[in-house]
Amino acid sequence: MNFNQLAQQLVDAGRILYDWGMVPATSGNFSARIDKNEIAITISGKHKGRMTATDIMRIDSAGLSLDGNKPSAETGLHVQIYQHYPETNAILHAHSINATLLSQLATNEVVLKDYELLKAFPGITTHVTQVSIPVFENDQDIRRLALLVDDYMNNPGVIPAYLIRGHGFYTWGNSIDDALKYTEALEFLFKCDLTLRGVIQP
């Protein structure tokens, strides 16, 4: 898929996530891999529900701008995921209410267990399972945060997402559509967890 096609898909994803209430104001950032050397990513500070294709830019595989535009401040987190999981082709970062609240309540991880919807994630074929979503402390030093995430990902197993405390969550997939599916599934599961904790009403 070429840059223009991916840019439009990222724009469409932004509108969907804004309609879901998951990227308020100018929060969130999205990217998609063009090829092994280039990535399409949202320009810094853009409202994700009002983007056009001109709000998507190109960076190289190290996160450096290829067109003079300024990428998202969290570009380093995107680069880290692409480097660690080479099969990843799209990354979505949302700031939903449920994810943000849960990240403040959880300690080091959120354990999602025995939910049918866990089968939305790759490699899971039964509800009789559990998925641990790590929670990282928020840090304005993106390089330091990316190193912490990478160190965690060196543990056995593949995680489908992670939370940043008081911030939101990252998820990724083989396509933008896959990443949207995982984002929607995670938001549902986060709401289930908050309901079980008695924080919100069903």
N, C-alpha and C. Protein backbone atom coordinates (compact mmCIF):
# COMPACT_ATOMS: atom_id res chain seq x y z
N MET A 1 0.84 -1.19 0.00
CA MET A 1 0.00 0.00 0.00
C MET A 1 0.88 1.25 0.00
N ASN A 2 0.52 2.26 -0.76
CA ASN A 2 1.38 3.44 -0.86
C ASN A 2 1.03 4.48 0.21
N PHE A 3 1.86 5.54 0.27
CA PHE A 3 1.69 6.56 1.30
C PHE A 3 0.31 7.18 1.26
N ASN A 4 -0.16 7.56 0.09
CA ASN A 4 -1.45 8.24 -0.01
C ASN A 4 -2.60 7.38 0.51
N GLN A 5 -2.56 6.10 0.20
CA GLN A 5 -3.60 5.19 0.67
C GLN A 5 -3.56 5.05 2.19
N LEU A 6 -2.35 4.90 2.74
CA LEU A 6 -2.20 4.77 4.19
C LEU A 6 -2.58 6.06 4.90
N ALA A 7 -2.21 7.20 4.33
CA ALA A 7 -2.56 8.48 4.93
C ALA A 7 -4.07 8.62 5.05
N GLN A 8 -4.80 8.25 4.00
CA GLN A 8 -6.25 8.35 4.05
C GLN A 8 -6.83 7.38 5.08
N GLN A 9 -6.26 6.19 5.19
CA GLN A 9 -6.74 5.24 6.20
C GLN A 9 -6.50 5.77 7.61
N LEU A 10 -5.38 6.43 7.83
CA LEU A 10 -5.10 7.02 9.15
C LEU A 10 -6.07 8.16 9.45
N VAL A 11 -6.37 8.95 8.44
CA VAL A 11 -7.37 10.02 8.60
C VAL A 11 -8.72 9.41 8.98
N ASP A 12 -9.12 8.36 8.28
CA ASP A 12 -10.39 7.70 8.58
C ASP A 12 -10.39 7.11 9.99
N ALA A 13 -9.27 6.53 10.39
CA ALA A 13 -9.17 5.97 11.75
C ALA A 13 -9.32 7.08 12.78
N GLY A 14 -8.74 8.24 12.51
CA GLY A 14 -8.86 9.36 13.43
C GLY A 14 -10.31 9.78 13.63
N ARG A 15 -11.07 9.81 12.56
CA ARG A 15 -12.48 10.19 12.66
C ARG A 15 -13.28 9.15 13.44
N ILE A 16 -12.97 7.89 13.19
CA ILE A 16 -13.65 6.81 13.92
C ILE A 16 -13.36 6.91 15.41
N LEU A 17 -12.09 7.04 15.77
CA LEU A 17 -11.73 7.09 17.18
C LEU A 17 -12.25 8.36 17.86
N TYR A 18 -12.31 9.46 17.12
CA TYR A 18 -12.89 10.67 17.69
C TYR A 18 -14.38 10.47 17.94
N ASP A 19 -15.07 9.84 17.00
CA ASP A 19 -16.49 9.57 17.19
C ASP A 19 -16.72 8.64 18.38
N TRP A 20 -15.77 7.76 18.65
CA TRP A 20 -15.87 6.88 19.82
C TRP A 20 -15.47 7.59 21.12
N GLY A 21 -15.04 8.84 21.03
CA GLY A 21 -14.64 9.60 22.22
C GLY A 21 -13.28 9.21 22.76
N MET A 22 -12.40 8.71 21.89
CA MET A 22 -11.14 8.15 22.35
C MET A 22 -9.92 9.02 22.06
N VAL A 23 -10.13 10.13 21.34
CA VAL A 23 -8.99 11.03 21.06
C VAL A 23 -9.45 12.48 21.23
N PRO A 24 -9.78 12.90 22.45
CA PRO A 24 -10.27 14.26 22.66
C PRO A 24 -9.19 15.30 22.40
N ALA A 25 -9.66 16.51 22.04
CA ALA A 25 -8.75 17.63 21.76
C ALA A 25 -7.74 17.21 20.69
N THR A 26 -6.44 17.34 20.94
CA THR A 26 -5.45 16.92 19.95
C THR A 26 -4.70 15.67 20.41
N SER A 27 -5.29 14.92 21.33
CA SER A 27 -4.61 13.75 21.88
C SER A 27 -4.52 12.62 20.86
N GLY A 28 -3.67 11.65 21.18
CA GLY A 28 -3.51 10.47 20.35
C GLY A 28 -2.52 10.66 19.22
N ASN A 29 -2.07 9.57 18.68
CA ASN A 29 -1.21 9.59 17.50
C ASN A 29 -1.28 8.23 16.82
N PHE A 30 -1.13 8.23 15.50
CA PHE A 30 -1.29 7.01 14.71
C PHE A 30 -0.16 6.91 13.70
N SER A 31 0.14 5.69 13.29
CA SER A 31 1.14 5.48 12.25
C SER A 31 0.85 4.20 11.47
N ALA A 32 1.47 4.11 10.30
CA ALA A 32 1.38 2.90 9.47
C ALA A 32 2.68 2.75 8.71
N ARG A 33 3.14 1.52 8.61
CA ARG A 33 4.40 1.26 7.91
C ARG A 33 4.17 1.27 6.39
N ILE A 34 4.95 2.08 5.69
CA ILE A 34 4.89 2.13 4.22
C ILE A 34 5.71 0.99 3.65
N ASP A 35 6.94 0.87 4.13
CA ASP A 35 7.83 -0.24 3.79
C ASP A 35 8.86 -0.35 4.91
N LYS A 36 9.89 -1.13 4.73
CA LYS A 36 10.83 -1.35 5.82
C LYS A 36 11.63 -0.10 6.18
N ASN A 37 11.61 0.91 5.29
CA ASN A 37 12.41 2.11 5.53
C ASN A 37 11.60 3.36 5.86
N GLU A 38 10.29 3.31 5.63
CA GLU A 38 9.48 4.51 5.82
C GLU A 38 8.17 4.22 6.57
N ILE A 39 7.73 5.21 7.33
CA ILE A 39 6.52 5.12 8.13
C ILE A 39 5.69 6.38 7.91
N ALA A 40 4.40 6.24 7.78
CA ALA A 40 3.47 7.37 7.76
C ALA A 40 2.99 7.59 9.18
N ILE A 41 3.00 8.84 9.65
CA ILE A 41 2.63 9.13 11.04
C ILE A 41 1.94 10.48 11.12
N THR A 42 1.12 10.65 12.13
CA THR A 42 0.41 11.91 12.31
C THR A 42 1.39 13.03 12.68
N ILE A 43 1.12 14.21 12.11
CA ILE A 43 1.90 15.40 12.44
C ILE A 43 1.56 15.84 13.86
N SER A 44 2.51 16.38 14.57
CA SER A 44 2.33 16.80 15.95
C SER A 44 1.22 17.84 16.10
N GLY A 45 0.39 17.65 17.13
CA GLY A 45 -0.59 18.65 17.52
C GLY A 45 -1.84 18.74 16.69
N LYS A 46 -2.11 17.78 15.84
CA LYS A 46 -3.30 17.83 14.99
C LYS A 46 -4.50 17.18 15.68
N HIS A 47 -5.67 17.76 15.48
CA HIS A 47 -6.91 17.19 16.00
C HIS A 47 -7.26 15.96 15.18
N LYS A 48 -7.34 14.82 15.84
CA LYS A 48 -7.47 13.56 15.09
C LYS A 48 -8.84 13.36 14.45
N GLY A 49 -9.84 14.10 14.91
CA GLY A 49 -11.15 13.99 14.29
C GLY A 49 -11.35 14.91 13.11
N ARG A 50 -10.37 15.79 12.85
CA ARG A 50 -10.51 16.77 11.78
C ARG A 50 -9.34 16.73 10.81
N MET A 51 -8.62 15.65 10.80
CA MET A 51 -7.44 15.57 9.95
C MET A 51 -7.81 15.43 8.48
N THR A 52 -6.87 15.86 7.64
CA THR A 52 -6.88 15.53 6.21
C THR A 52 -5.57 14.81 5.93
N ALA A 53 -5.41 14.36 4.70
CA ALA A 53 -4.18 13.63 4.35
C ALA A 53 -2.94 14.49 4.51
N THR A 54 -3.09 15.81 4.48
CA THR A 54 -1.93 16.70 4.67
C THR A 54 -1.44 16.71 6.11
N ASP A 55 -2.19 16.11 7.02
CA ASP A 55 -1.79 16.03 8.43
C ASP A 55 -1.04 14.73 8.73
N ILE A 56 -0.73 13.98 7.69
CA ILE A 56 0.07 12.76 7.82
C ILE A 56 1.40 13.02 7.12
N MET A 57 2.49 12.62 7.75
CA MET A 57 3.82 12.87 7.21
C MET A 57 4.61 11.57 7.11
N ARG A 58 5.80 11.67 6.55
CA ARG A 58 6.70 10.53 6.42
C ARG A 58 7.87 10.66 7.39
N ILE A 59 8.24 9.55 8.01
CA ILE A 59 9.47 9.47 8.78
C ILE A 59 10.24 8.24 8.32
N ASP A 60 11.53 8.20 8.63
CA ASP A 60 12.29 7.00 8.32
C ASP A 60 12.16 6.01 9.47
N SER A 61 12.79 4.87 9.35
CA SER A 61 12.63 3.80 10.34
C SER A 61 13.22 4.15 11.69
N ALA A 62 14.02 5.24 11.76
CA ALA A 62 14.57 5.70 13.03
C ALA A 62 13.74 6.83 13.63
N GLY A 63 12.69 7.26 12.93
CA GLY A 63 11.82 8.30 13.44
C GLY A 63 12.14 9.71 12.98
N LEU A 64 13.06 9.85 12.02
CA LEU A 64 13.45 11.18 11.55
C LEU A 64 12.55 11.62 10.39
N SER A 65 12.19 12.90 10.40
CA SER A 65 11.31 13.45 9.37
C SER A 65 11.94 13.34 8.00
N LEU A 66 11.12 12.97 7.02
CA LEU A 66 11.58 12.89 5.63
C LEU A 66 11.02 14.02 4.78
N ASP A 67 10.12 14.83 5.36
CA ASP A 67 9.50 15.88 4.56
C ASP A 67 9.49 17.26 5.22
N GLY A 68 10.22 17.40 6.32
CA GLY A 68 10.31 18.70 6.97
C GLY A 68 9.23 18.98 8.00
N ASN A 69 8.21 18.12 8.08
CA ASN A 69 7.17 18.29 9.08
C ASN A 69 7.62 17.73 10.43
N LYS A 70 6.92 18.13 11.49
CA LYS A 70 7.26 17.67 12.84
C LYS A 70 6.34 16.52 13.22
N PRO A 71 6.90 15.34 13.48
CA PRO A 71 6.05 14.20 13.84
C PRO A 71 5.59 14.28 15.29
N SER A 72 4.68 13.40 15.63
CA SER A 72 4.20 13.30 17.01
C SER A 72 5.36 13.24 17.99
N ALA A 73 5.14 13.86 19.16
CA ALA A 73 6.18 13.86 20.20
C ALA A 73 6.51 12.44 20.66
N GLU A 74 5.60 11.50 20.42
CA GLU A 74 5.78 10.13 20.89
C GLU A 74 6.23 9.19 19.77
N THR A 75 6.84 9.76 18.75
CA THR A 75 7.31 8.96 17.62
C THR A 75 8.22 7.82 18.05
N GLY A 76 9.04 8.06 19.05
CA GLY A 76 9.96 7.03 19.53
C GLY A 76 9.25 5.77 20.01
N LEU A 77 8.04 5.91 20.51
CA LEU A 77 7.28 4.75 20.96
C LEU A 77 6.78 3.94 19.76
N HIS A 78 6.44 4.62 18.69
CA HIS A 78 6.05 3.92 17.46
C HIS A 78 7.24 3.16 16.89
N VAL A 79 8.38 3.84 16.81
CA VAL A 79 9.58 3.22 16.26
C VAL A 79 9.95 1.97 17.05
N GLN A 80 9.84 2.06 18.37
CA GLN A 80 10.19 0.92 19.22
C GLN A 80 9.32 -0.29 18.91
N ILE A 81 8.01 -0.08 18.73
CA ILE A 81 7.11 -1.19 18.44
C ILE A 81 7.43 -1.81 17.09
N TYR A 82 7.64 -0.98 16.07
CA TYR A 82 7.97 -1.51 14.74
C TYR A 82 9.27 -2.30 14.77
N GLN A 83 10.23 -1.84 15.54
CA GLN A 83 11.50 -2.55 15.62
C GLN A 83 11.37 -3.86 16.37
N HIS A 84 10.56 -3.84 17.43
CA HIS A 84 10.45 -5.05 18.25
C HIS A 84 9.55 -6.10 17.61
N TYR A 85 8.48 -5.65 16.96
CA TYR A 85 7.54 -6.57 16.31
C TYR A 85 7.54 -6.28 14.81
N PRO A 86 8.46 -6.85 14.05
CA PRO A 86 8.59 -6.53 12.62
C PRO A 86 7.34 -6.82 11.79
N GLU A 87 6.45 -7.65 12.30
CA GLU A 87 5.22 -7.96 11.56
C GLU A 87 4.17 -6.85 11.71
N THR A 88 4.42 -5.90 12.59
CA THR A 88 3.48 -4.81 12.82
C THR A 88 3.50 -3.84 11.65
N ASN A 89 2.31 -3.44 11.19
CA ASN A 89 2.19 -2.48 10.09
C ASN A 89 1.38 -1.25 10.46
N ALA A 90 0.79 -1.23 11.66
CA ALA A 90 0.00 -0.06 12.07
C ALA A 90 -0.04 0.02 13.58
N ILE A 91 -0.04 1.27 14.09
CA ILE A 91 -0.07 1.52 15.53
C ILE A 91 -1.07 2.64 15.80
N LEU A 92 -1.93 2.43 16.79
CA LEU A 92 -2.89 3.45 17.20
C LEU A 92 -2.72 3.74 18.69
N HIS A 93 -2.69 5.01 19.03
CA HIS A 93 -2.58 5.43 20.43
C HIS A 93 -3.79 6.29 20.76
N ALA A 94 -4.62 5.81 21.68
CA ALA A 94 -5.85 6.51 22.05
C ALA A 94 -5.81 6.94 23.52
N HIS A 95 -6.60 7.96 23.83
CA HIS A 95 -6.70 8.49 25.19
C HIS A 95 -8.14 8.35 25.68
N SER A 96 -8.65 7.15 25.70
CA SER A 96 -10.04 6.97 26.11
C SER A 96 -10.19 7.16 27.61
N ILE A 97 -11.43 7.47 28.04
CA ILE A 97 -11.70 7.64 29.46
C ILE A 97 -11.44 6.34 30.22
N ASN A 98 -11.92 5.23 29.68
CA ASN A 98 -11.77 3.95 30.39
C ASN A 98 -10.31 3.57 30.56
N ALA A 99 -9.53 3.71 29.49
CA ALA A 99 -8.11 3.36 29.57
C ALA A 99 -7.38 4.28 30.54
N THR A 100 -7.69 5.56 30.49
CA THR A 100 -7.01 6.53 31.35
C THR A 100 -7.33 6.28 32.82
N LEU A 101 -8.61 6.03 33.12
CA LEU A 101 -9.00 5.73 34.50
C LEU A 101 -8.35 4.44 34.99
N LEU A 102 -8.41 3.40 34.17
CA LEU A 102 -7.86 2.12 34.58
C LEU A 102 -6.36 2.20 34.80
N SER A 103 -5.69 2.99 33.99
CA SER A 103 -4.24 3.13 34.17
C SER A 103 -3.89 3.77 35.50
N GLN A 104 -4.80 4.59 36.04
CA GLN A 104 -4.57 5.21 37.34
C GLN A 104 -4.85 4.26 38.50
N LEU A 105 -5.73 3.30 38.27
CA LEU A 105 -6.12 2.38 39.34
C LEU A 105 -5.23 1.14 39.42
N ALA A 106 -4.75 0.68 38.27
CA ALA A 106 -3.96 -0.55 38.23
C ALA A 106 -2.57 -0.33 38.80
N THR A 107 -1.94 -1.42 39.20
CA THR A 107 -0.57 -1.31 39.71
C THR A 107 0.39 -1.43 38.54
N ASN A 108 0.89 -2.62 38.28
CA ASN A 108 1.85 -2.81 37.19
C ASN A 108 1.23 -3.38 35.92
N GLU A 109 0.03 -3.95 36.06
CA GLU A 109 -0.61 -4.55 34.89
C GLU A 109 -2.10 -4.68 35.11
N VAL A 110 -2.82 -4.85 34.00
CA VAL A 110 -4.24 -5.16 34.03
C VAL A 110 -4.40 -6.56 33.46
N VAL A 111 -4.99 -7.46 34.23
CA VAL A 111 -5.17 -8.83 33.80
C VAL A 111 -6.61 -9.01 33.33
N LEU A 112 -6.76 -9.35 32.07
CA LEU A 112 -8.07 -9.60 31.46
C LEU A 112 -8.22 -11.11 31.31
N LYS A 113 -9.20 -11.69 31.99
CA LYS A 113 -9.28 -13.16 32.08
C LYS A 113 -10.67 -13.67 31.75
N ASP A 114 -10.71 -14.73 30.92
CA ASP A 114 -11.93 -15.49 30.64
C ASP A 114 -13.01 -14.70 29.91
N TYR A 115 -12.61 -13.70 29.15
CA TYR A 115 -13.56 -12.96 28.33
C TYR A 115 -13.60 -13.53 26.91
N GLU A 116 -14.80 -13.71 26.37
CA GLU A 116 -14.93 -14.18 24.99
C GLU A 116 -14.24 -13.24 24.02
N LEU A 117 -14.28 -11.94 24.30
CA LEU A 117 -13.73 -10.97 23.37
C LEU A 117 -12.20 -11.02 23.27
N LEU A 118 -11.56 -11.74 24.18
CA LEU A 118 -10.11 -11.90 24.05
C LEU A 118 -9.75 -12.62 22.75
N LYS A 119 -10.72 -13.32 22.18
CA LYS A 119 -10.49 -14.01 20.90
C LYS A 119 -10.34 -13.01 19.74
N ALA A 120 -10.55 -11.73 20.00
CA ALA A 120 -10.30 -10.71 18.97
C ALA A 120 -8.82 -10.55 18.68
N PHE A 121 -7.97 -10.99 19.63
CA PHE A 121 -6.54 -10.80 19.48
C PHE A 121 -5.90 -12.02 18.81
N PRO A 122 -4.85 -11.79 18.04
CA PRO A 122 -4.23 -12.89 17.28
C PRO A 122 -3.68 -13.98 18.19
N GLY A 123 -3.88 -15.22 17.77
CA GLY A 123 -3.34 -16.35 18.49
C GLY A 123 -4.21 -16.86 19.62
N ILE A 124 -5.32 -16.17 19.91
CA ILE A 124 -6.21 -16.60 21.00
C ILE A 124 -7.45 -17.24 20.39
N THR A 125 -7.71 -18.48 20.75
CA THR A 125 -8.82 -19.23 20.15
C THR A 125 -9.86 -19.67 21.17
N THR A 126 -9.66 -19.33 22.45
CA THR A 126 -10.60 -19.72 23.49
C THR A 126 -10.70 -18.62 24.53
N HIS A 127 -11.88 -18.55 25.17
CA HIS A 127 -12.05 -17.58 26.25
C HIS A 127 -11.32 -18.01 27.51
N VAL A 128 -10.94 -19.28 27.58
CA VAL A 128 -10.26 -19.79 28.77
C VAL A 128 -8.79 -19.39 28.69
N THR A 129 -8.54 -18.14 28.93
CA THR A 129 -7.19 -17.60 28.83
C THR A 129 -7.13 -16.28 29.58
N GLN A 130 -5.96 -15.73 29.68
CA GLN A 130 -5.83 -14.39 30.24
C GLN A 130 -4.74 -13.62 29.51
N VAL A 131 -4.93 -12.33 29.44
CA VAL A 131 -3.98 -11.44 28.80
C VAL A 131 -3.59 -10.36 29.79
N SER A 132 -2.31 -10.13 29.94
CA SER A 132 -1.82 -9.10 30.85
C SER A 132 -1.40 -7.87 30.04
N ILE A 133 -1.98 -6.73 30.38
CA ILE A 133 -1.65 -5.46 29.73
C ILE A 133 -0.78 -4.67 30.70
N PRO A 134 0.48 -4.48 30.39
CA PRO A 134 1.36 -3.75 31.32
C PRO A 134 0.99 -2.27 31.41
N VAL A 135 1.31 -1.69 32.57
CA VAL A 135 1.10 -0.26 32.79
C VAL A 135 2.46 0.37 33.07
N PHE A 136 2.81 1.34 32.25
CA PHE A 136 4.08 2.05 32.42
C PHE A 136 3.81 3.45 32.98
N GLU A 137 4.72 3.91 33.82
CA GLU A 137 4.60 5.27 34.33
C GLU A 137 4.79 6.27 33.20
N ASN A 138 4.00 7.31 33.22
CA ASN A 138 4.13 8.35 32.20
C ASN A 138 5.49 9.03 32.33
N ASP A 139 6.07 9.40 31.21
CA ASP A 139 7.40 10.00 31.22
C ASP A 139 7.53 10.90 30.00
N GLN A 140 7.91 12.14 30.20
CA GLN A 140 8.11 13.05 29.07
C GLN A 140 9.38 12.74 28.30
N ASP A 141 10.25 11.92 28.90
CA ASP A 141 11.45 11.47 28.20
C ASP A 141 11.06 10.22 27.40
N ILE A 142 10.70 10.41 26.15
CA ILE A 142 10.18 9.32 25.33
C ILE A 142 11.22 8.23 25.09
N ARG A 143 12.47 8.63 24.95
CA ARG A 143 13.51 7.62 24.74
C ARG A 143 13.62 6.69 25.95
N ARG A 144 13.56 7.27 27.14
CA ARG A 144 13.64 6.45 28.35
C ARG A 144 12.42 5.54 28.46
N LEU A 145 11.24 6.08 28.16
CA LEU A 145 10.04 5.27 28.21
C LEU A 145 10.09 4.14 27.18
N ALA A 146 10.56 4.44 25.98
CA ALA A 146 10.66 3.41 24.94
C ALA A 146 11.60 2.29 25.36
N LEU A 147 12.66 2.61 26.06
CA LEU A 147 13.59 1.59 26.54
C LEU A 147 12.93 0.69 27.58
N LEU A 148 12.10 1.28 28.46
CA LEU A 148 11.37 0.48 29.46
C LEU A 148 10.39 -0.47 28.78
N VAL A 149 9.68 0.05 27.79
CA VAL A 149 8.73 -0.79 27.05
C VAL A 149 9.46 -1.92 26.35
N ASP A 150 10.58 -1.60 25.72
CA ASP A 150 11.33 -2.62 25.00
C ASP A 150 11.85 -3.70 25.93
N ASP A 151 12.30 -3.29 27.10
CA ASP A 151 12.79 -4.26 28.08
C ASP A 151 11.67 -5.20 28.50
N TYR A 152 10.48 -4.67 28.72
CA TYR A 152 9.34 -5.51 29.09
C TYR A 152 9.00 -6.48 27.97
N MET A 153 9.05 -6.00 26.74
CA MET A 153 8.70 -6.84 25.60
C MET A 153 9.70 -7.95 25.35
N ASN A 154 10.84 -7.88 25.98
CA ASN A 154 11.83 -8.96 25.86
C ASN A 154 11.45 -10.18 26.69
N ASN A 155 10.44 -10.03 27.56
CA ASN A 155 9.95 -11.18 28.32
C ASN A 155 9.20 -12.13 27.39
N PRO A 156 9.06 -13.39 27.77
CA PRO A 156 8.34 -14.35 26.92
C PRO A 156 6.91 -13.91 26.66
N GLY A 157 6.41 -14.23 25.49
CA GLY A 157 5.03 -13.92 25.14
C GLY A 157 4.91 -12.60 24.39
N VAL A 158 3.79 -12.44 23.71
CA VAL A 158 3.52 -11.22 22.94
C VAL A 158 2.35 -10.50 23.59
N ILE A 159 2.50 -9.23 23.84
CA ILE A 159 1.39 -8.46 24.41
C ILE A 159 0.68 -7.72 23.27
N PRO A 160 -0.65 -7.51 23.39
CA PRO A 160 -1.38 -6.82 22.32
C PRO A 160 -1.46 -5.31 22.51
N ALA A 161 -1.02 -4.83 23.68
CA ALA A 161 -1.18 -3.41 23.97
C ALA A 161 -0.43 -3.08 25.25
N TYR A 162 -0.30 -1.78 25.53
CA TYR A 162 0.14 -1.36 26.86
C TYR A 162 -0.49 -0.03 27.22
N LEU A 163 -0.61 0.19 28.52
CA LEU A 163 -1.16 1.42 29.07
C LEU A 163 -0.03 2.31 29.58
N ILE A 164 -0.24 3.61 29.50
CA ILE A 164 0.65 4.58 30.15
C ILE A 164 -0.19 5.30 31.19
N ARG A 165 0.32 5.35 32.41
CA ARG A 165 -0.49 5.85 33.52
C ARG A 165 -0.98 7.28 33.29
N GLY A 166 -2.29 7.45 33.43
CA GLY A 166 -2.89 8.75 33.27
C GLY A 166 -2.84 9.29 31.86
N HIS A 167 -2.63 8.43 30.90
CA HIS A 167 -2.31 8.87 29.55
C HIS A 167 -3.17 8.20 28.48
N GLY A 168 -3.25 6.91 28.47
CA GLY A 168 -3.97 6.20 27.42
C GLY A 168 -3.29 4.89 27.11
N PHE A 169 -3.51 4.38 25.89
CA PHE A 169 -2.90 3.09 25.56
C PHE A 169 -2.48 3.02 24.11
N TYR A 170 -1.53 2.14 23.86
CA TYR A 170 -1.04 1.82 22.52
C TYR A 170 -1.46 0.41 22.17
N THR A 171 -1.89 0.23 20.92
CA THR A 171 -2.08 -1.11 20.39
C THR A 171 -1.65 -1.11 18.93
N TRP A 172 -1.46 -2.28 18.37
CA TRP A 172 -0.86 -2.38 17.04
C TRP A 172 -1.34 -3.64 16.35
N GLY A 173 -1.15 -3.69 15.03
CA GLY A 173 -1.59 -4.86 14.28
C GLY A 173 -0.98 -4.92 12.90
N ASN A 174 -1.39 -5.91 12.13
CA ASN A 174 -0.87 -6.09 10.79
C ASN A 174 -1.43 -5.07 9.80
N SER A 175 -2.51 -4.39 10.20
CA SER A 175 -3.13 -3.38 9.35
C SER A 175 -3.81 -2.36 10.24
N ILE A 176 -4.22 -1.23 9.65
CA ILE A 176 -4.95 -0.23 10.41
C ILE A 176 -6.29 -0.80 10.86
N ASP A 177 -6.93 -1.58 10.02
CA ASP A 177 -8.20 -2.21 10.40
C ASP A 177 -8.02 -3.13 11.61
N ASP A 178 -6.94 -3.90 11.61
CA ASP A 178 -6.67 -4.78 12.76
C ASP A 178 -6.46 -3.95 14.02
N ALA A 179 -5.67 -2.90 13.92
CA ALA A 179 -5.40 -2.06 15.09
C ALA A 179 -6.68 -1.41 15.60
N LEU A 180 -7.58 -1.01 14.70
CA LEU A 180 -8.87 -0.47 15.12
C LEU A 180 -9.69 -1.53 15.85
N LYS A 181 -9.67 -2.75 15.33
CA LYS A 181 -10.40 -3.85 15.98
C LYS A 181 -9.88 -4.06 17.40
N TYR A 182 -8.56 -4.08 17.56
CA TYR A 182 -7.99 -4.29 18.89
C TYR A 182 -8.29 -3.12 19.82
N THR A 183 -8.28 -1.90 19.28
CA THR A 183 -8.61 -0.73 20.08
C THR A 183 -10.03 -0.82 20.61
N GLU A 184 -10.96 -1.20 19.74
CA GLU A 184 -12.36 -1.32 20.15
C GLU A 184 -12.53 -2.44 21.19
N ALA A 185 -11.87 -3.57 20.96
CA ALA A 185 -11.97 -4.68 21.91
C ALA A 185 -11.39 -4.31 23.26
N LEU A 186 -10.24 -3.65 23.26
CA LEU A 186 -9.61 -3.26 24.52
C LEU A 186 -10.48 -2.28 25.29
N GLU A 187 -11.08 -1.33 24.58
CA GLU A 187 -11.94 -0.36 25.27
C GLU A 187 -13.12 -1.06 25.94
N PHE A 188 -13.71 -2.04 25.28
CA PHE A 188 -14.79 -2.82 25.88
C PHE A 188 -14.28 -3.57 27.12
N LEU A 189 -13.13 -4.21 27.00
CA LEU A 189 -12.59 -4.99 28.11
C LEU A 189 -12.16 -4.09 29.27
N PHE A 190 -11.62 -2.92 28.97
CA PHE A 190 -11.27 -1.98 30.04
C PHE A 190 -12.53 -1.54 30.79
N LYS A 191 -13.62 -1.33 30.06
CA LYS A 191 -14.87 -0.94 30.70
C LYS A 191 -15.39 -2.08 31.59
N CYS A 192 -15.25 -3.31 31.11
CA CYS A 192 -15.64 -4.46 31.94
C CYS A 192 -14.85 -4.49 33.24
N ASP A 193 -13.55 -4.26 33.15
CA ASP A 193 -12.71 -4.28 34.34
C ASP A 193 -13.09 -3.18 35.30
N LEU A 194 -13.35 -1.99 34.80
CA LEU A 194 -13.76 -0.87 35.67
C LEU A 194 -15.10 -1.16 36.32
N THR A 195 -16.00 -1.84 35.61
CA THR A 195 -17.30 -2.18 36.16
C THR A 195 -17.14 -3.19 37.29
N LEU A 196 -16.29 -4.21 37.08
CA LEU A 196 -16.04 -5.20 38.13
C LEU A 196 -15.41 -4.57 39.37
N ARG A 197 -14.61 -3.53 39.14
CA ARG A 197 -14.00 -2.83 40.28
C ARG A 197 -14.98 -1.90 41.00
N GLY A 198 -16.17 -1.74 40.41
CA GLY A 198 -17.17 -0.87 41.01
C GLY A 198 -16.96 0.60 40.75
N VAL A 199 -16.08 0.90 39.80
CA VAL A 199 -15.77 2.30 39.50
C VAL A 199 -16.87 2.93 38.66
N ILE A 200 -17.43 2.17 37.72
CA ILE A 200 -18.51 2.67 36.89
C ILE A 200 -19.68 1.70 36.94
N GLN A 201 -20.84 2.18 36.56
CA GLN A 201 -22.04 1.35 36.55
C GLN A 201 -22.18 0.65 35.20
N PRO A 202 -22.75 -0.56 35.18
CA PRO A 202 -22.93 -1.28 33.92
C PRO A 202 -23.82 -0.49 32.96
